[in-house]
Each structure stands twice: as structure tokens, then as C-alpha cells.
PDB file of all heavy atoms in Angstrom:
ATOM      1  N   ARG A   1      -1.021  61.284  31.699  1.00  0.00           N
ATOM      2  CA  ARG A   1       0.031  60.813  32.521  1.00  0.00           C
ATOM      3  C   ARG A   1      -0.434  60.674  34.022  1.00  0.00           C
ATOM      4  O   ARG A   1      -0.097  59.634  34.721  1.00  0.00           O
ATOM      5  CB  ARG A   1       1.206  61.848  32.526  1.00  0.00           C
ATOM      6  CG  ARG A   1       2.459  61.378  33.240  1.00  0.00           C
ATOM      7  CD  ARG A   1       3.416  62.521  33.477  1.00  0.00           C
ATOM      8  NE  ARG A   1       2.797  63.515  34.381  1.00  0.00           N
ATOM      9  CZ  ARG A   1       2.712  63.418  35.704  1.00  0.00           C
ATOM     10  NH1 ARG A   1       3.196  62.255  36.285  1.00  0.00           N
ATOM     11  NH2 ARG A   1       2.137  64.311  36.386  1.00  0.00           N
ATOM     12  N   GLN A   2      -1.245  61.556  34.471  1.00  0.00           N
ATOM     13  CA  GLN A   2      -1.771  61.424  35.869  1.00  0.00           C
ATOM     14  C   GLN A   2      -2.662  60.221  36.062  1.00  0.00           C
ATOM     15  O   GLN A   2      -2.633  59.524  37.032  1.00  0.00           O
ATOM     16  CB  GLN A   2      -2.547  62.742  36.276  1.00  0.00           C
ATOM     17  CG  GLN A   2      -1.647  63.922  36.498  1.00  0.00           C
ATOM     18  CD  GLN A   2      -2.436  65.149  36.899  1.00  0.00           C
ATOM     19  OE1 GLN A   2      -3.102  65.797  36.076  1.00  0.00           O
ATOM     20  NE2 GLN A   2      -2.539  65.402  38.143  1.00  0.00           N
ATOM     21  N   ILE A   3      -3.534  59.934  34.902  1.00  0.00           N
ATOM     22  CA  ILE A   3      -4.380  58.761  35.031  1.00  0.00           C
ATOM     23  C   ILE A   3      -3.577  57.437  35.096  1.00  0.00           C
ATOM     24  O   ILE A   3      -3.793  56.530  35.828  1.00  0.00           O
ATOM     25  CB  ILE A   3      -5.378  58.779  33.827  1.00  0.00           C
ATOM     26  CG1 ILE A   3      -6.260  60.046  33.881  1.00  0.00           C
ATOM     27  CG2 ILE A   3      -6.220  57.460  33.825  1.00  0.00           C
ATOM     28  CD1 ILE A   3      -7.188  60.094  32.734  1.00  0.00           C
ATOM     29  N   GLN A   4      -2.567  57.446  34.211  1.00  0.00           N
ATOM     30  CA  GLN A   4      -1.673  56.247  34.199  1.00  0.00           C
ATOM     31  C   GLN A   4      -0.915  56.004  35.515  1.00  0.00           C
ATOM     32  O   GLN A   4      -0.743  54.911  35.967  1.00  0.00           O
ATOM     33  CB  GLN A   4      -0.670  56.357  32.948  1.00  0.00           C
ATOM     34  CG  GLN A   4      -1.398  56.253  31.567  1.00  0.00           C
ATOM     35  CD  GLN A   4      -0.453  56.545  30.456  1.00  0.00           C
ATOM     36  OE1 GLN A   4       0.580  57.200  30.615  1.00  0.00           O
ATOM     37  NE2 GLN A   4      -0.802  55.994  29.246  1.00  0.00           N
ATOM     38  N   ALA A   5      -0.607  57.182  36.039  1.00  0.00           N
ATOM     39  CA  ALA A   5       0.207  57.067  37.415  1.00  0.00           C
ATOM     40  C   ALA A   5      -0.715  56.933  38.552  1.00  0.00           C
ATOM     41  O   ALA A   5      -0.245  56.802  39.721  1.00  0.00           O
ATOM     42  CB  ALA A   5       1.121  58.335  37.597  1.00  0.00           C
ATOM     43  N   ASN A   6      -2.031  56.909  38.253  1.00  0.00           N
ATOM     44  CA  ASN A   6      -3.041  56.702  39.368  1.00  0.00           C
ATOM     45  C   ASN A   6      -2.911  57.811  40.471  1.00  0.00           C
ATOM     46  O   ASN A   6      -2.864  57.591  41.693  1.00  0.00           O
ATOM     47  CB  ASN A   6      -2.966  55.342  40.027  1.00  0.00           C
ATOM     48  CG  ASN A   6      -4.319  54.921  40.672  1.00  0.00           C
ATOM     49  OD1 ASN A   6      -5.335  55.563  40.547  1.00  0.00           O
ATOM     50  ND2 ASN A   6      -4.195  53.951  41.510  1.00  0.00           N
ATOM     51  N   ASP A   7      -2.737  59.070  39.888  1.00  0.00           N
ATOM     52  CA  ASP A   7      -2.569  60.212  40.827  1.00  0.00           C
ATOM     53  C   ASP A   7      -3.809  60.414  41.746  1.00  0.00           C
ATOM     54  O   ASP A   7      -4.899  60.651  41.203  1.00  0.00           O
ATOM     55  CB  ASP A   7      -2.218  61.429  39.929  1.00  0.00           C
ATOM     56  CG  ASP A   7      -1.808  62.629  40.796  1.00  0.00           C
ATOM     57  OD1 ASP A   7      -1.920  62.599  42.060  1.00  0.00           O
ATOM     58  OD2 ASP A   7      -1.292  63.605  40.202  1.00  0.00           O
ATOM     59  N   GLY A   8      -3.598  60.435  42.876  1.00  0.00           N
ATOM     60  CA  GLY A   8      -4.779  60.606  43.900  1.00  0.00           C
ATOM     61  C   GLY A   8      -5.343  62.029  43.868  1.00  0.00           C
ATOM     62  O   GLY A   8      -6.488  62.227  44.302  1.00  0.00           O
ATOM     63  N   ALA A   9      -4.607  62.983  43.338  1.00  0.00           N
ATOM     64  CA  ALA A   9      -5.085  64.333  43.280  1.00  0.00           C
ATOM     65  C   ALA A   9      -6.090  64.566  42.179  1.00  0.00           C
ATOM     66  O   ALA A   9      -6.782  65.550  42.078  1.00  0.00           O
ATOM     67  CB  ALA A   9      -3.902  65.326  43.196  1.00  0.00           C
ATOM     68  N   LEU A  10      -6.131  63.576  41.159  1.00  0.00           N
ATOM     69  CA  LEU A  10      -6.995  63.711  40.059  1.00  0.00           C
ATOM     70  C   LEU A  10      -8.238  62.877  40.183  1.00  0.00           C
ATOM     71  O   LEU A  10      -8.275  61.715  40.158  1.00  0.00           O
ATOM     72  CB  LEU A  10      -6.292  63.351  38.807  1.00  0.00           C
ATOM     73  CG  LEU A  10      -7.002  63.461  37.433  1.00  0.00           C
ATOM     74  CD1 LEU A  10      -7.306  64.947  37.147  1.00  0.00           C
ATOM     75  CD2 LEU A  10      -6.266  62.854  36.285  1.00  0.00           C
ATOM     76  N   GLU A  11      -9.365  63.589  40.418  1.00  0.00           N
ATOM     77  CA  GLU A  11     -10.668  62.923  40.634  1.00  0.00           C
ATOM     78  C   GLU A  11     -11.672  63.341  39.477  1.00  0.00           C
ATOM     79  O   GLU A  11     -12.638  62.524  39.354  1.00  0.00           O
ATOM     80  CB  GLU A  11     -11.313  63.254  41.992  1.00  0.00           C
ATOM     81  CG  GLU A  11     -10.374  62.723  43.162  1.00  0.00           C
ATOM     82  CD  GLU A  11     -11.104  62.938  44.489  1.00  0.00           C
ATOM     83  OE1 GLU A  11     -12.213  63.499  44.492  1.00  0.00           O
ATOM     84  OE2 GLU A  11     -10.550  62.463  45.495  1.00  0.00           O
ATOM     85  N   ASP A  12     -11.472  64.388  38.825  1.00  0.00           N
ATOM     86  CA  ASP A  12     -12.387  64.943  37.807  1.00  0.00           C
ATOM     87  C   ASP A  12     -11.596  65.165  36.520  1.00  0.00           C
ATOM     88  O   ASP A  12     -10.757  65.977  36.502  1.00  0.00           O
ATOM     89  CB  ASP A  12     -13.064  66.144  38.284  1.00  0.00           C
ATOM     90  CG  ASP A  12     -14.195  66.631  37.315  1.00  0.00           C
ATOM     91  OD1 ASP A  12     -14.324  66.066  36.251  1.00  0.00           O
ATOM     92  OD2 ASP A  12     -14.914  67.523  37.735  1.00  0.00           O
ATOM     93  N   VAL A  13     -11.958  64.394  35.440  1.00  0.00           N
ATOM     94  CA  VAL A  13     -11.215  64.594  34.116  1.00  0.00           C
ATOM     95  C   VAL A  13     -12.259  65.224  33.213  1.00  0.00           C
ATOM     96  O   VAL A  13     -13.283  64.522  32.883  1.00  0.00           O
ATOM     97  CB  VAL A  13     -10.790  63.156  33.565  1.00  0.00           C
ATOM     98  CG1 VAL A  13     -10.164  63.407  32.230  1.00  0.00           C
ATOM     99  CG2 VAL A  13      -9.762  62.577  34.538  1.00  0.00           C
ATOM    100  N   ASN A  14     -11.976  66.381  32.765  1.00  0.00           N
ATOM    101  CA  ASN A  14     -12.874  67.139  31.881  1.00  0.00           C
ATOM    102  C   ASN A  14     -12.080  67.526  30.563  1.00  0.00           C
ATOM    103  O   ASN A  14     -11.277  68.357  30.575  1.00  0.00           O
ATOM    104  CB  ASN A  14     -13.404  68.400  32.609  1.00  0.00           C
ATOM    105  CG  ASN A  14     -14.262  69.221  31.705  1.00  0.00           C
ATOM    106  OD1 ASN A  14     -14.572  68.863  30.570  1.00  0.00           O
ATOM    107  ND2 ASN A  14     -14.794  70.339  32.353  1.00  0.00           N
ATOM    108  N   LEU A  15     -12.502  66.712  29.548  1.00  0.00           N
ATOM    109  CA  LEU A  15     -11.922  66.937  28.236  1.00  0.00           C
ATOM    110  C   LEU A  15     -12.932  67.562  27.270  1.00  0.00           C
ATOM    111  O   LEU A  15     -12.693  67.405  26.096  1.00  0.00           O
ATOM    112  CB  LEU A  15     -11.226  65.650  27.679  1.00  0.00           C
ATOM    113  CG  LEU A  15     -10.245  64.931  28.562  1.00  0.00           C
ATOM    114  CD1 LEU A  15      -9.715  63.685  27.899  1.00  0.00           C
ATOM    115  CD2 LEU A  15      -9.061  65.903  28.836  1.00  0.00           C
ATOM    116  N   ASN A  16     -13.978  68.184  27.698  1.00  0.00           N
ATOM    117  CA  ASN A  16     -15.088  68.698  26.927  1.00  0.00           C
ATOM    118  C   ASN A  16     -14.549  69.668  25.836  1.00  0.00           C
ATOM    119  O   ASN A  16     -13.670  70.605  26.123  1.00  0.00           O
ATOM    120  CB  ASN A  16     -16.128  69.302  27.790  1.00  0.00           C
ATOM    121  CG  ASN A  16     -16.786  68.305  28.702  1.00  0.00           C
ATOM    122  OD1 ASN A  16     -16.680  67.130  28.574  1.00  0.00           O
ATOM    123  ND2 ASN A  16     -17.665  68.829  29.577  1.00  0.00           N
ATOM    124  N   ASN A  17     -15.133  69.526  24.600  1.00  0.00           N
ATOM    125  CA  ASN A  17     -14.867  70.514  23.522  1.00  0.00           C
ATOM    126  C   ASN A  17     -13.460  70.605  23.107  1.00  0.00           C
ATOM    127  O   ASN A  17     -13.097  71.645  22.426  1.00  0.00           O
ATOM    128  CB  ASN A  17     -15.457  71.881  23.940  1.00  0.00           C
ATOM    129  CG  ASN A  17     -16.917  71.810  24.334  1.00  0.00           C
ATOM    130  OD1 ASN A  17     -17.684  71.278  23.567  1.00  0.00           O
ATOM    131  ND2 ASN A  17     -17.206  72.381  25.470  1.00  0.00           N
ATOM    132  N   ILE A  18     -12.554  69.642  23.326  1.00  0.00           N
ATOM    133  CA  ILE A  18     -11.272  69.638  22.869  1.00  0.00           C
ATOM    134  C   ILE A  18     -11.294  68.849  21.491  1.00  0.00           C
ATOM    135  O   ILE A  18     -11.432  67.570  21.633  1.00  0.00           O
ATOM    136  CB  ILE A  18     -10.252  69.123  23.800  1.00  0.00           C
ATOM    137  CG1 ILE A  18     -10.296  69.916  25.189  1.00  0.00           C
ATOM    138  CG2 ILE A  18      -8.827  69.171  23.272  1.00  0.00           C
ATOM    139  CD1 ILE A  18      -9.279  69.405  26.204  1.00  0.00           C
ATOM    140  N   LYS A  19     -11.193  69.518  20.384  1.00  0.00           N
ATOM    141  CA  LYS A  19     -11.504  68.858  19.093  1.00  0.00           C
ATOM    142  C   LYS A  19     -10.342  68.024  18.514  1.00  0.00           C
ATOM    143  O   LYS A  19     -10.527  67.172  17.762  1.00  0.00           O
ATOM    144  CB  LYS A  19     -11.936  69.853  18.071  1.00  0.00           C
ATOM    145  CG  LYS A  19     -13.067  70.844  18.519  1.00  0.00           C
ATOM    146  CD  LYS A  19     -14.399  70.113  18.653  1.00  0.00           C
ATOM    147  CE  LYS A  19     -15.497  71.074  18.973  1.00  0.00           C
ATOM    148  NZ  LYS A  19     -16.785  70.434  19.152  1.00  0.00           N
ATOM    149  N   ASP A  20      -9.132  68.371  19.006  1.00  0.00           N
ATOM    150  CA  ASP A  20      -7.918  67.841  18.259  1.00  0.00           C
ATOM    151  C   ASP A  20      -7.316  66.671  19.097  1.00  0.00           C
ATOM    152  O   ASP A  20      -6.138  66.429  18.855  1.00  0.00           O
ATOM    153  CB  ASP A  20      -6.950  68.889  18.019  1.00  0.00           C
ATOM    154  CG  ASP A  20      -6.492  69.631  19.305  1.00  0.00           C
ATOM    155  OD1 ASP A  20      -7.135  69.433  20.309  1.00  0.00           O
ATOM    156  OD2 ASP A  20      -5.560  70.395  19.217  1.00  0.00           O
ATOM    157  N   ILE A  21      -8.045  65.991  19.972  1.00  0.00           N
ATOM    158  CA  ILE A  21      -7.456  64.890  20.648  1.00  0.00           C
ATOM    159  C   ILE A  21      -7.479  63.647  19.738  1.00  0.00           C
ATOM    160  O   ILE A  21      -8.517  63.243  19.162  1.00  0.00           O
ATOM    161  CB  ILE A  21      -8.329  64.500  21.936  1.00  0.00           C
ATOM    162  CG1 ILE A  21      -8.444  65.724  22.859  1.00  0.00           C
ATOM    163  CG2 ILE A  21      -7.643  63.388  22.742  1.00  0.00           C
ATOM    164  CD1 ILE A  21      -9.274  65.486  24.047  1.00  0.00           C
ATOM    165  N   PRO A  22      -6.237  63.032  19.467  1.00  0.00           N
ATOM    166  CA  PRO A  22      -6.221  61.871  18.568  1.00  0.00           C
ATOM    167  C   PRO A  22      -7.026  60.740  19.190  1.00  0.00           C
ATOM    168  O   PRO A  22      -7.122  60.589  20.471  1.00  0.00           O
ATOM    169  CB  PRO A  22      -4.637  61.589  18.632  1.00  0.00           C
ATOM    170  CG  PRO A  22      -4.030  62.872  19.016  1.00  0.00           C
ATOM    171  CD  PRO A  22      -4.962  63.518  19.964  1.00  0.00           C
ATOM    172  N   ILE A  23      -7.581  59.904  18.359  1.00  0.00           N
ATOM    173  CA  ILE A  23      -8.291  58.755  18.738  1.00  0.00           C
ATOM    174  C   ILE A  23      -7.445  57.827  19.592  1.00  0.00           C
ATOM    175  O   ILE A  23      -7.920  57.230  20.637  1.00  0.00           O
ATOM    176  CB  ILE A  23      -8.846  58.033  17.540  1.00  0.00           C
ATOM    177  CG1 ILE A  23      -9.769  58.822  16.803  1.00  0.00           C
ATOM    178  CG2 ILE A  23      -9.513  56.744  18.002  1.00  0.00           C
ATOM    179  CD1 ILE A  23     -11.032  59.348  17.482  1.00  0.00           C
ATOM    180  N   SER A  24      -6.129  57.730  19.254  1.00  0.00           N
ATOM    181  CA  SER A  24      -5.234  56.840  20.032  1.00  0.00           C
ATOM    182  C   SER A  24      -5.064  57.380  21.466  1.00  0.00           C
ATOM    183  O   SER A  24      -4.978  56.619  22.410  1.00  0.00           O
ATOM    184  CB  SER A  24      -3.914  56.763  19.326  1.00  0.00           C
ATOM    185  OG  SER A  24      -3.363  58.146  19.205  1.00  0.00           O
ATOM    186  N   THR A  25      -5.108  58.691  21.613  1.00  0.00           N
ATOM    187  CA  THR A  25      -5.010  59.256  23.003  1.00  0.00           C
ATOM    188  C   THR A  25      -6.235  59.020  23.772  1.00  0.00           C
ATOM    189  O   THR A  25      -6.152  58.617  25.032  1.00  0.00           O
ATOM    190  CB  THR A  25      -4.741  60.804  22.873  1.00  0.00           C
ATOM    191  OG1 THR A  25      -3.514  61.006  22.217  1.00  0.00           O
ATOM    192  CG2 THR A  25      -4.611  61.414  24.321  1.00  0.00           C
ATOM    193  N   LEU A  26      -7.445  59.107  23.161  1.00  0.00           N
ATOM    194  CA  LEU A  26      -8.667  58.787  23.849  1.00  0.00           C
ATOM    195  C   LEU A  26      -8.743  57.343  24.279  1.00  0.00           C
ATOM    196  O   LEU A  26      -9.233  56.969  25.373  1.00  0.00           O
ATOM    197  CB  LEU A  26      -9.879  59.162  22.883  1.00  0.00           C
ATOM    198  CG  LEU A  26     -10.086  60.619  22.699  1.00  0.00           C
ATOM    199  CD1 LEU A  26     -11.173  60.831  21.555  1.00  0.00           C
ATOM    200  CD2 LEU A  26     -10.414  61.409  23.969  1.00  0.00           C
ATOM    201  N   LYS A  27      -8.297  56.487  23.374  1.00  0.00           N
ATOM    202  CA  LYS A  27      -8.289  55.005  23.750  1.00  0.00           C
ATOM    203  C   LYS A  27      -7.235  54.757  24.885  1.00  0.00           C
ATOM    204  O   LYS A  27      -7.507  53.918  25.729  1.00  0.00           O
ATOM    205  CB  LYS A  27      -7.919  54.167  22.489  1.00  0.00           C
ATOM    206  CG  LYS A  27      -8.994  54.310  21.432  1.00  0.00           C
ATOM    207  CD  LYS A  27      -8.610  53.596  20.136  1.00  0.00           C
ATOM    208  CE  LYS A  27      -8.444  52.105  20.271  1.00  0.00           C
ATOM    209  NZ  LYS A  27      -8.187  51.437  18.953  1.00  0.00           N
ATOM    210  N   ALA A  28      -6.107  55.478  24.845  1.00  0.00           N
ATOM    211  CA  ALA A  28      -5.128  55.287  25.906  1.00  0.00           C
ATOM    212  C   ALA A  28      -5.679  55.748  27.274  1.00  0.00           C
ATOM    213  O   ALA A  28      -5.451  55.206  28.274  1.00  0.00           O
ATOM    214  CB  ALA A  28      -3.905  56.107  25.513  1.00  0.00           C
ATOM    215  N   ILE A  29      -6.562  56.841  27.244  1.00  0.00           N
ATOM    216  CA  ILE A  29      -7.112  57.307  28.477  1.00  0.00           C
ATOM    217  C   ILE A  29      -8.073  56.223  29.033  1.00  0.00           C
ATOM    218  O   ILE A  29      -8.113  55.918  30.239  1.00  0.00           O
ATOM    219  CB  ILE A  29      -7.845  58.671  28.198  1.00  0.00           C
ATOM    220  CG1 ILE A  29      -6.892  59.749  27.918  1.00  0.00           C
ATOM    221  CG2 ILE A  29      -8.731  58.985  29.383  1.00  0.00           C
ATOM    222  CD1 ILE A  29      -7.480  61.111  27.554  1.00  0.00           C
ATOM    223  N   CYS A  30      -8.886  55.661  28.167  1.00  0.00           N
ATOM    224  CA  CYS A  30      -9.794  54.665  28.584  1.00  0.00           C
ATOM    225  C   CYS A  30      -9.070  53.419  29.083  1.00  0.00           C
ATOM    226  O   CYS A  30      -9.481  52.701  30.022  1.00  0.00           O
ATOM    227  CB  CYS A  30     -10.709  54.167  27.391  1.00  0.00           C
ATOM    228  SG  CYS A  30     -11.811  55.480  26.830  1.00  0.00           S
ATOM    229  N   GLU A  31      -7.908  53.039  28.440  1.00  0.00           N
ATOM    230  CA  GLU A  31      -7.061  51.899  28.895  1.00  0.00           C
ATOM    231  C   GLU A  31      -6.537  52.178  30.312  1.00  0.00           C
ATOM    232  O   GLU A  31      -6.487  51.218  31.123  1.00  0.00           O
ATOM    233  CB  GLU A  31      -6.010  51.744  27.887  1.00  0.00           C
ATOM    234  CG  GLU A  31      -5.073  50.528  28.162  1.00  0.00           C
ATOM    235  CD  GLU A  31      -5.808  49.202  28.022  1.00  0.00           C
ATOM    236  OE1 GLU A  31      -6.771  49.094  27.286  1.00  0.00           O
ATOM    237  OE2 GLU A  31      -5.395  48.213  28.714  1.00  0.00           O
ATOM    238  N   ALA A  32      -6.078  53.433  30.470  1.00  0.00           N
ATOM    239  CA  ALA A  32      -5.538  53.729  31.818  1.00  0.00           C
ATOM    240  C   ALA A  32      -6.552  53.756  32.892  1.00  0.00           C
ATOM    241  O   ALA A  32      -6.385  53.497  34.082  1.00  0.00           O
ATOM    242  CB  ALA A  32      -4.795  55.116  31.769  1.00  0.00           C
ATOM    243  N   MET A  33      -7.768  54.148  32.472  1.00  0.00           N
ATOM    244  CA  MET A  33      -8.909  54.185  33.444  1.00  0.00           C
ATOM    245  C   MET A  33      -9.331  52.823  33.984  1.00  0.00           C
ATOM    246  O   MET A  33      -9.917  52.685  35.059  1.00  0.00           O
ATOM    247  CB  MET A  33     -10.123  54.847  32.828  1.00  0.00           C
ATOM    248  CG  MET A  33     -10.033  56.288  32.684  1.00  0.00           C
ATOM    249  SD  MET A  33     -10.073  57.152  34.310  1.00  0.00           S
ATOM    250  CE  MET A  33     -11.607  56.633  34.982  1.00  0.00           C
ATOM    251  N   LYS A  34      -8.934  51.728  33.285  1.00  0.00           N
ATOM    252  CA  LYS A  34      -9.232  50.381  33.812  1.00  0.00           C
ATOM    253  C   LYS A  34      -8.786  50.134  35.204  1.00  0.00           C
ATOM    254  O   LYS A  34      -9.389  49.504  35.990  1.00  0.00           O
ATOM    255  CB  LYS A  34      -8.717  49.309  32.788  1.00  0.00           C
ATOM    256  CG  LYS A  34      -9.425  49.299  31.442  1.00  0.00           C
ATOM    257  CD  LYS A  34      -8.819  48.180  30.578  1.00  0.00           C
ATOM    258  CE  LYS A  34      -9.465  48.195  29.200  1.00  0.00           C
ATOM    259  NZ  LYS A  34      -8.889  47.071  28.341  1.00  0.00           N
ATOM    260  N   THR A  35      -7.486  50.655  35.404  1.00  0.00           N
ATOM    261  CA  THR A  35      -6.925  50.339  36.754  1.00  0.00           C
ATOM    262  C   THR A  35      -6.818  51.519  37.593  1.00  0.00           C
ATOM    263  O   THR A  35      -6.333  51.431  38.819  1.00  0.00           O
ATOM    264  CB  THR A  35      -5.485  49.778  36.514  1.00  0.00           C
ATOM    265  OG1 THR A  35      -4.743  50.736  35.737  1.00  0.00           O
ATOM    266  CG2 THR A  35      -5.512  48.455  35.784  1.00  0.00           C
ATOM    267  N   ASN A  36      -7.427  52.616  37.243  1.00  0.00           N
ATOM    268  CA  ASN A  36      -7.298  53.874  37.998  1.00  0.00           C
ATOM    269  C   ASN A  36      -8.378  53.755  39.157  1.00  0.00           C
ATOM    270  O   ASN A  36      -9.441  53.297  38.922  1.00  0.00           O
ATOM    271  CB  ASN A  36      -7.630  55.081  37.255  1.00  0.00           C
ATOM    272  CG  ASN A  36      -7.416  56.407  37.961  1.00  0.00           C
ATOM    273  OD1 ASN A  36      -8.222  56.765  38.690  1.00  0.00           O
ATOM    274  ND2 ASN A  36      -6.386  57.058  37.676  1.00  0.00           N
ATOM    275  N   THR A  37      -7.952  54.195  40.347  1.00  0.00           N
ATOM    276  CA  THR A  37      -8.775  54.037  41.520  1.00  0.00           C
ATOM    277  C   THR A  37      -9.144  55.366  42.146  1.00  0.00           C
ATOM    278  O   THR A  37      -9.673  55.366  43.346  1.00  0.00           O
ATOM    279  CB  THR A  37      -8.103  53.123  42.545  1.00  0.00           C
ATOM    280  OG1 THR A  37      -6.883  53.740  42.944  1.00  0.00           O
ATOM    281  CG2 THR A  37      -7.885  51.726  42.083  1.00  0.00           C
ATOM    282  N   HIS A  38      -8.935  56.506  41.473  1.00  0.00           N
ATOM    283  CA  HIS A  38      -9.177  57.771  42.062  1.00  0.00           C
ATOM    284  C   HIS A  38     -10.129  58.684  41.236  1.00  0.00           C
ATOM    285  O   HIS A  38     -10.846  59.433  41.843  1.00  0.00           O
ATOM    286  CB  HIS A  38      -7.837  58.633  42.242  1.00  0.00           C
ATOM    287  CG  HIS A  38      -6.945  57.940  43.242  1.00  0.00           C
ATOM    288  ND1 HIS A  38      -7.146  57.951  44.612  1.00  0.00           N
ATOM    289  CD2 HIS A  38      -5.760  57.144  43.043  1.00  0.00           C
ATOM    290  CE1 HIS A  38      -6.168  57.220  45.246  1.00  0.00           C
ATOM    291  NE2 HIS A  38      -5.280  56.840  44.310  1.00  0.00           N
ATOM    292  N   VAL A  39     -10.158  58.562  39.855  1.00  0.00           N
ATOM    293  CA  VAL A  39     -10.979  59.345  39.020  1.00  0.00           C
ATOM    294  C   VAL A  39     -12.397  58.893  39.273  1.00  0.00           C
ATOM    295  O   VAL A  39     -12.794  57.746  39.036  1.00  0.00           O
ATOM    296  CB  VAL A  39     -10.545  59.242  37.606  1.00  0.00           C
ATOM    297  CG1 VAL A  39     -11.589  59.965  36.726  1.00  0.00           C
ATOM    298  CG2 VAL A  39      -9.162  59.818  37.393  1.00  0.00           C
ATOM    299  N   LYS A  40     -13.272  59.881  39.610  1.00  0.00           N
ATOM    300  CA  LYS A  40     -14.649  59.596  39.860  1.00  0.00           C
ATOM    301  C   LYS A  40     -15.544  60.136  38.744  1.00  0.00           C
ATOM    302  O   LYS A  40     -16.749  59.666  38.603  1.00  0.00           O
ATOM    303  CB  LYS A  40     -15.158  60.141  41.226  1.00  0.00           C
ATOM    304  CG  LYS A  40     -14.411  59.500  42.426  1.00  0.00           C
ATOM    305  CD  LYS A  40     -14.821  60.089  43.693  1.00  0.00           C
ATOM    306  CE  LYS A  40     -14.181  59.522  44.884  1.00  0.00           C
ATOM    307  NZ  LYS A  40     -14.539  60.120  46.230  1.00  0.00           N
TER     308      LYS A  40
END
């Protein structure tokens, strides 16, 4: 939700070792990252 909202407080996204993330959610994160201007 923060990535999609382009939240300026979110600069580091760490999803390491979370095994149960659906593929659709991972693809949605990548889709939201296309227009995100804060996550480094």
C-alpha cells in the first residue's frame, strides 16, 4: 500500500525470507515500483 501511494517515508523495502508471499502480490509490488519515486 505504501509503495502504491508513493509514500515518501518508505525508502527501503525488505521482504527477505518471507516464504508465503503470493506471486500476484510480488508482481503487484513490481508494478507499483514502476512509478514510485522514493524507494531506493
